[in-house]
Amino acid sequence: MRPVTDEDDPRAPGERASPGAGDPQSGGEPGVGDASRRTYLANERTYLAWWRTGLTCLATAIGVGRVVPSLIHQPRWPYAILGVGFALLGITSIVYGLRREREVREAIDRGHYSHPDERVLQIMTVAGLVLGVLLLVVILIEF
């Protein structure tokens, strides 16, 4: 195999594969190239993933804390506790998603990488694990 050179490019000299962000024809922001735009868009998608996770936890909180207890004939309190736990996890997810989006955006602007807060990720992981185990216990044990 031989390396690809400019001679292999079928486009005319000076032509781009897609308009650059700094190109007035593209309406892009000056100084931000295609790679930077893709990075910003990836950051937005990740932020939306934090939101989806948070909303899923909130929906789970409603289901576990309110809907399930009204359908079964068991004490409500274990389900209410689990519902509160899932709601807190959902709120944490949404709030941390915003914080993370801002940190990453600022890091991109500086040309750096921002590592996630390991403590927050560990706390959320442990919370999800505990809630999952408690949910399993509540499902398997009749009160």
C-alpha atoms as a PDB file:
ATOM      1  CA  MET A   1       0.000   0.000   0.000  1.00  0.00           C
ATOM      2  CA  ARG A   2       1.190   3.491  -0.734  1.00  0.00           C
ATOM      3  CA  PRO A   3       0.300   6.652   1.202  1.00  0.00           C
ATOM      4  CA  VAL A   4      -2.533   8.839  -0.047  1.00  0.00           C
ATOM      5  CA  THR A   5      -1.312  12.117  -1.534  1.00  0.00           C
ATOM      6  CA  ASP A   6      -2.908  15.303  -2.839  1.00  0.00           C
ATOM      7  CA  GLU A   7      -2.679  13.837  -6.339  1.00  0.00           C
ATOM      8  CA  ASP A   8      -5.164  11.133  -5.282  1.00  0.00           C
ATOM      9  CA  ASP A   9      -7.790  13.724  -4.275  1.00  0.00           C
ATOM     10  CA  PRO A  10     -10.514  13.948  -6.982  1.00  0.00           C
ATOM     11  CA  ARG A  11     -11.576  17.427  -5.864  1.00  0.00           C
ATOM     12  CA  ALA A  12     -10.309  20.521  -7.596  1.00  0.00           C
ATOM     13  CA  PRO A  13      -7.375  22.305  -5.922  1.00  0.00           C
ATOM     14  CA  GLY A  14      -8.587  24.388  -2.973  1.00  0.00           C
ATOM     15  CA  GLU A  15     -11.985  22.630  -2.855  1.00  0.00           C
ATOM     16  CA  ARG A  16     -13.093  21.178   0.492  1.00  0.00           C
ATOM     17  CA  ALA A  17     -14.976  17.961   1.124  1.00  0.00           C
ATOM     18  CA  SER A  18     -17.481  19.994   3.141  1.00  0.00           C
ATOM     19  CA  PRO A  19     -17.628  23.695   3.911  1.00  0.00           C
ATOM     20  CA  GLY A  20     -15.506  24.629   6.910  1.00  0.00           C
ATOM     21  CA  ALA A  21     -16.971  26.307   9.939  1.00  0.00           C
ATOM     22  CA  GLY A  22     -14.963  29.440   9.311  1.00  0.00           C
ATOM     23  CA  ASP A  23     -16.143  29.609   5.705  1.00  0.00           C
ATOM     24  CA  PRO A  24     -18.599  32.501   5.200  1.00  0.00           C
ATOM     25  CA  GLN A  25     -20.608  30.304   2.795  1.00  0.00           C
ATOM     26  CA  SER A  26     -21.222  27.719   5.518  1.00  0.00           C
ATOM     27  CA  GLY A  27     -22.472  30.268   8.024  1.00  0.00           C
ATOM     28  CA  GLY A  28     -20.122  28.693  10.547  1.00  0.00           C
ATOM     29  CA  GLU A  29     -18.431  30.317  13.467  1.00  0.00           C
ATOM     30  CA  PRO A  30     -15.036  31.798  12.537  1.00  0.00           C
ATOM     31  CA  GLY A  31     -12.082  29.866  13.892  1.00  0.00           C
ATOM     32  CA  VAL A  32     -13.976  26.639  14.550  1.00  0.00           C
ATOM     33  CA  GLY A  33     -13.118  23.821  12.140  1.00  0.00           C
ATOM     34  CA  ASP A  34     -15.077  20.697  11.245  1.00  0.00           C
ATOM     35  CA  ALA A  35     -13.330  18.620  13.917  1.00  0.00           C
ATOM     36  CA  SER A  36     -14.158  21.179  16.584  1.00  0.00           C
ATOM     37  CA  ARG A  37     -17.794  21.319  15.471  1.00  0.00           C
ATOM     38  CA  ARG A  38     -18.033  17.544  15.673  1.00  0.00           C
ATOM     39  CA  THR A  39     -16.533  17.652  19.153  1.00  0.00           C
ATOM     40  CA  TYR A  40     -19.013  20.302  20.293  1.00  0.00           C
ATOM     41  CA  LEU A  41     -21.882  18.275  18.817  1.00  0.00           C
ATOM     42  CA  ALA A  42     -20.630  15.110  20.542  1.00  0.00           C
ATOM     43  CA  ASN A  43     -20.605  17.061  23.800  1.00  0.00           C
ATOM     44  CA  GLU A  44     -24.225  18.107  23.187  1.00  0.00           C
ATOM     45  CA  ARG A  45     -25.229  14.495  22.500  1.00  0.00           C
ATOM     46  CA  THR A  46     -23.540  13.397  25.717  1.00  0.00           C
ATOM     47  CA  TYR A  47     -25.391  16.109  27.629  1.00  0.00           C
ATOM     48  CA  LEU A  48     -28.657  14.842  26.181  1.00  0.00           C
ATOM     49  CA  ALA A  49     -27.695  11.297  27.235  1.00  0.00           C
ATOM     50  CA  TRP A  50     -27.321  12.539  30.833  1.00  0.00           C
ATOM     51  CA  TRP A  51     -30.814  14.041  30.484  1.00  0.00           C
ATOM     52  CA  ARG A  52     -32.258  10.791  29.107  1.00  0.00           C
ATOM     53  CA  THR A  53     -30.699   8.875  31.981  1.00  0.00           C
ATOM     54  CA  GLY A  54     -32.119  11.347  34.478  1.00  0.00           C
ATOM     55  CA  LEU A  55     -35.590  11.234  32.948  1.00  0.00           C
ATOM     56  CA  THR A  56     -35.496   7.430  32.913  1.00  0.00           C
ATOM     57  CA  CYS A  57     -34.634   7.421  36.624  1.00  0.00           C
ATOM     58  CA  LEU A  58     -37.476   9.848  37.309  1.00  0.00           C
ATOM     59  CA  ALA A  59     -39.915   7.661  35.368  1.00  0.00           C
ATOM     60  CA  THR A  60     -38.665   4.641  37.294  1.00  0.00           C
ATOM     61  CA  ALA A  61     -39.196   6.586  40.517  1.00  0.00           C
ATOM     62  CA  ILE A  62     -42.837   7.208  39.608  1.00  0.00           C
ATOM     63  CA  GLY A  63     -43.340   3.588  38.595  1.00  0.00           C
ATOM     64  CA  VAL A  64     -41.682   2.083  41.647  1.00  0.00           C
ATOM     65  CA  GLY A  65     -42.828   4.674  44.156  1.00  0.00           C
ATOM     66  CA  ARG A  66     -46.436   5.217  43.055  1.00  0.00           C
ATOM     67  CA  VAL A  67     -47.721   2.885  40.347  1.00  0.00           C
ATOM     68  CA  VAL A  68     -46.497  -0.489  41.618  1.00  0.00           C
ATOM     69  CA  PRO A  69     -47.741  -0.003  45.206  1.00  0.00           C
ATOM     70  CA  SER A  70     -51.198   0.905  43.929  1.00  0.00           C
ATOM     71  CA  LEU A  71     -51.349  -2.337  41.930  1.00  0.00           C
ATOM     72  CA  ILE A  72     -50.217  -4.774  44.608  1.00  0.00           C
ATOM     73  CA  HIS A  73     -51.428  -5.520  48.107  1.00  0.00           C
ATOM     74  CA  GLN A  74     -48.208  -5.017  50.029  1.00  0.00           C
ATOM     75  CA  PRO A  75     -46.868  -2.253  52.259  1.00  0.00           C
ATOM     76  CA  ARG A  76     -46.094   0.927  50.330  1.00  0.00           C
ATOM     77  CA  TRP A  77     -43.092   2.139  52.335  1.00  0.00           C
ATOM     78  CA  PRO A  78     -40.349   0.014  50.676  1.00  0.00           C
ATOM     79  CA  TYR A  79     -41.510   1.153  47.251  1.00  0.00           C
ATOM     80  CA  ALA A  80     -41.703   4.768  48.373  1.00  0.00           C
ATOM     81  CA  ILE A  81     -38.105   4.612  49.634  1.00  0.00           C
ATOM     82  CA  LEU A  82     -36.949   3.099  46.349  1.00  0.00           C
ATOM     83  CA  GLY A  83     -38.904   5.720  44.409  1.00  0.00           C
ATOM     84  CA  VAL A  84     -37.203   8.517  46.324  1.00  0.00           C
ATOM     85  CA  GLY A  85     -33.810   6.907  45.664  1.00  0.00           C
ATOM     86  CA  PHE A  86     -34.433   6.686  41.922  1.00  0.00           C
ATOM     87  CA  ALA A  87     -35.711  10.270  41.884  1.00  0.00           C
ATOM     88  CA  LEU A  88     -32.545  11.492  43.621  1.00  0.00           C
ATOM     89  CA  LEU A  89     -30.416   9.541  41.156  1.00  0.00           C
ATOM     90  CA  GLY A  90     -32.331  11.119  38.256  1.00  0.00           C
ATOM     91  CA  ILE A  91     -31.933  14.633  39.615  1.00  0.00           C
ATOM     92  CA  THR A  92     -28.218  14.024  40.206  1.00  0.00           C
ATOM     93  CA  SER A  93     -27.840  12.769  36.652  1.00  0.00           C
ATOM     94  CA  ILE A  94     -29.439  15.859  35.147  1.00  0.00           C
ATOM     95  CA  VAL A  95     -27.490  18.280  37.335  1.00  0.00           C
ATOM     96  CA  TYR A  96     -24.146  16.532  36.782  1.00  0.00           C
ATOM     97  CA  GLY A  97     -24.872  16.378  33.045  1.00  0.00           C
ATOM     98  CA  LEU A  98     -25.110  20.169  32.905  1.00  0.00           C
ATOM     99  CA  ARG A  99     -21.941  20.582  34.965  1.00  0.00           C
ATOM    100  CA  ARG A 100     -20.108  18.098  32.762  1.00  0.00           C
ATOM    101  CA  GLU A 101     -21.325  19.750  29.540  1.00  0.00           C
ATOM    102  CA  ARG A 102     -19.975  23.122  30.686  1.00  0.00           C
ATOM    103  CA  GLU A 103     -16.636  21.656  31.802  1.00  0.00           C
ATOM    104  CA  VAL A 104     -16.154  19.862  28.488  1.00  0.00           C
ATOM    105  CA  ARG A 105     -17.182  22.909  26.440  1.00  0.00           C
ATOM    106  CA  GLU A 106     -14.656  25.069  28.294  1.00  0.00           C
ATOM    107  CA  ALA A 107     -11.973  22.399  27.850  1.00  0.00           C
ATOM    108  CA  ILE A 108     -12.684  22.226  24.106  1.00  0.00           C
ATOM    109  CA  ASP A 109     -12.367  26.011  23.904  1.00  0.00           C
ATOM    110  CA  ARG A 110      -8.941  25.764  25.535  1.00  0.00           C
ATOM    111  CA  GLY A 111      -7.924  22.770  23.420  1.00  0.00           C
ATOM    112  CA  HIS A 112      -7.777  20.442  26.421  1.00  0.00           C
ATOM    113  CA  TYR A 113      -9.624  17.404  27.739  1.00  0.00           C
ATOM    114  CA  SER A 114     -11.683  17.471  30.916  1.00  0.00           C
ATOM    115  CA  HIS A 115     -11.844  14.223  32.869  1.00  0.00           C
ATOM    116  CA  PRO A 116     -15.140  13.453  34.591  1.00  0.00           C
ATOM    117  CA  ASP A 117     -15.292  13.791  38.364  1.00  0.00           C
ATOM    118  CA  GLU A 118     -14.425  10.281  39.517  1.00  0.00           C
ATOM    119  CA  ARG A 119     -16.158  10.776  42.879  1.00  0.00           C
ATOM    120  CA  VAL A 120     -19.475  11.686  41.273  1.00  0.00           C
ATOM    121  CA  LEU A 121     -19.286   8.694  38.936  1.00  0.00           C
ATOM    122  CA  GLN A 122     -18.460   6.360  41.835  1.00  0.00           C
ATOM    123  CA  ILE A 123     -21.294   7.744  43.977  1.00  0.00           C
ATOM    124  CA  MET A 124     -23.779   7.374  41.127  1.00  0.00           C
ATOM    125  CA  THR A 125     -22.559   3.846  40.403  1.00  0.00           C
ATOM    126  CA  VAL A 126     -22.877   2.791  44.039  1.00  0.00           C
ATOM    127  CA  ALA A 127     -26.313   4.441  44.274  1.00  0.00           C
ATOM    128  CA  GLY A 128     -27.509   2.595  41.166  1.00  0.00           C
ATOM    129  CA  LEU A 129     -26.105  -0.676  42.472  1.00  0.00           C
ATOM    130  CA  VAL A 130     -27.722  -0.234  45.901  1.00  0.00           C
ATOM    131  CA  LEU A 131     -31.073   0.739  44.392  1.00  0.00           C
ATOM    132  CA  GLY A 132     -30.953  -2.235  42.044  1.00  0.00           C
ATOM    133  CA  VAL A 133     -30.166  -4.686  44.841  1.00  0.00           C
ATOM    134  CA  LEU A 134     -32.847  -3.191  47.096  1.00  0.00           C
ATOM    135  CA  LEU A 135     -35.365  -3.396  44.280  1.00  0.00           C
ATOM    136  CA  LEU A 136     -34.453  -7.030  43.758  1.00  0.00           C
ATOM    137  CA  VAL A 137     -34.888  -7.704  47.482  1.00  0.00           C
ATOM    138  CA  VAL A 138     -38.268  -5.949  47.578  1.00  0.00           C
ATOM    139  CA  ILE A 139     -39.446  -7.932  44.558  1.00  0.00           C
ATOM    140  CA  LEU A 140     -38.287 -11.279  45.936  1.00  0.00           C
ATOM    141  CA  ILE A 141     -39.457 -10.819  49.533  1.00  0.00           C
ATOM    142  CA  GLU A 142     -43.112 -10.480  50.348  1.00  0.00           C
ATOM    143  CA  PHE A 143     -43.790  -8.049  53.167  1.00  0.00           C
END
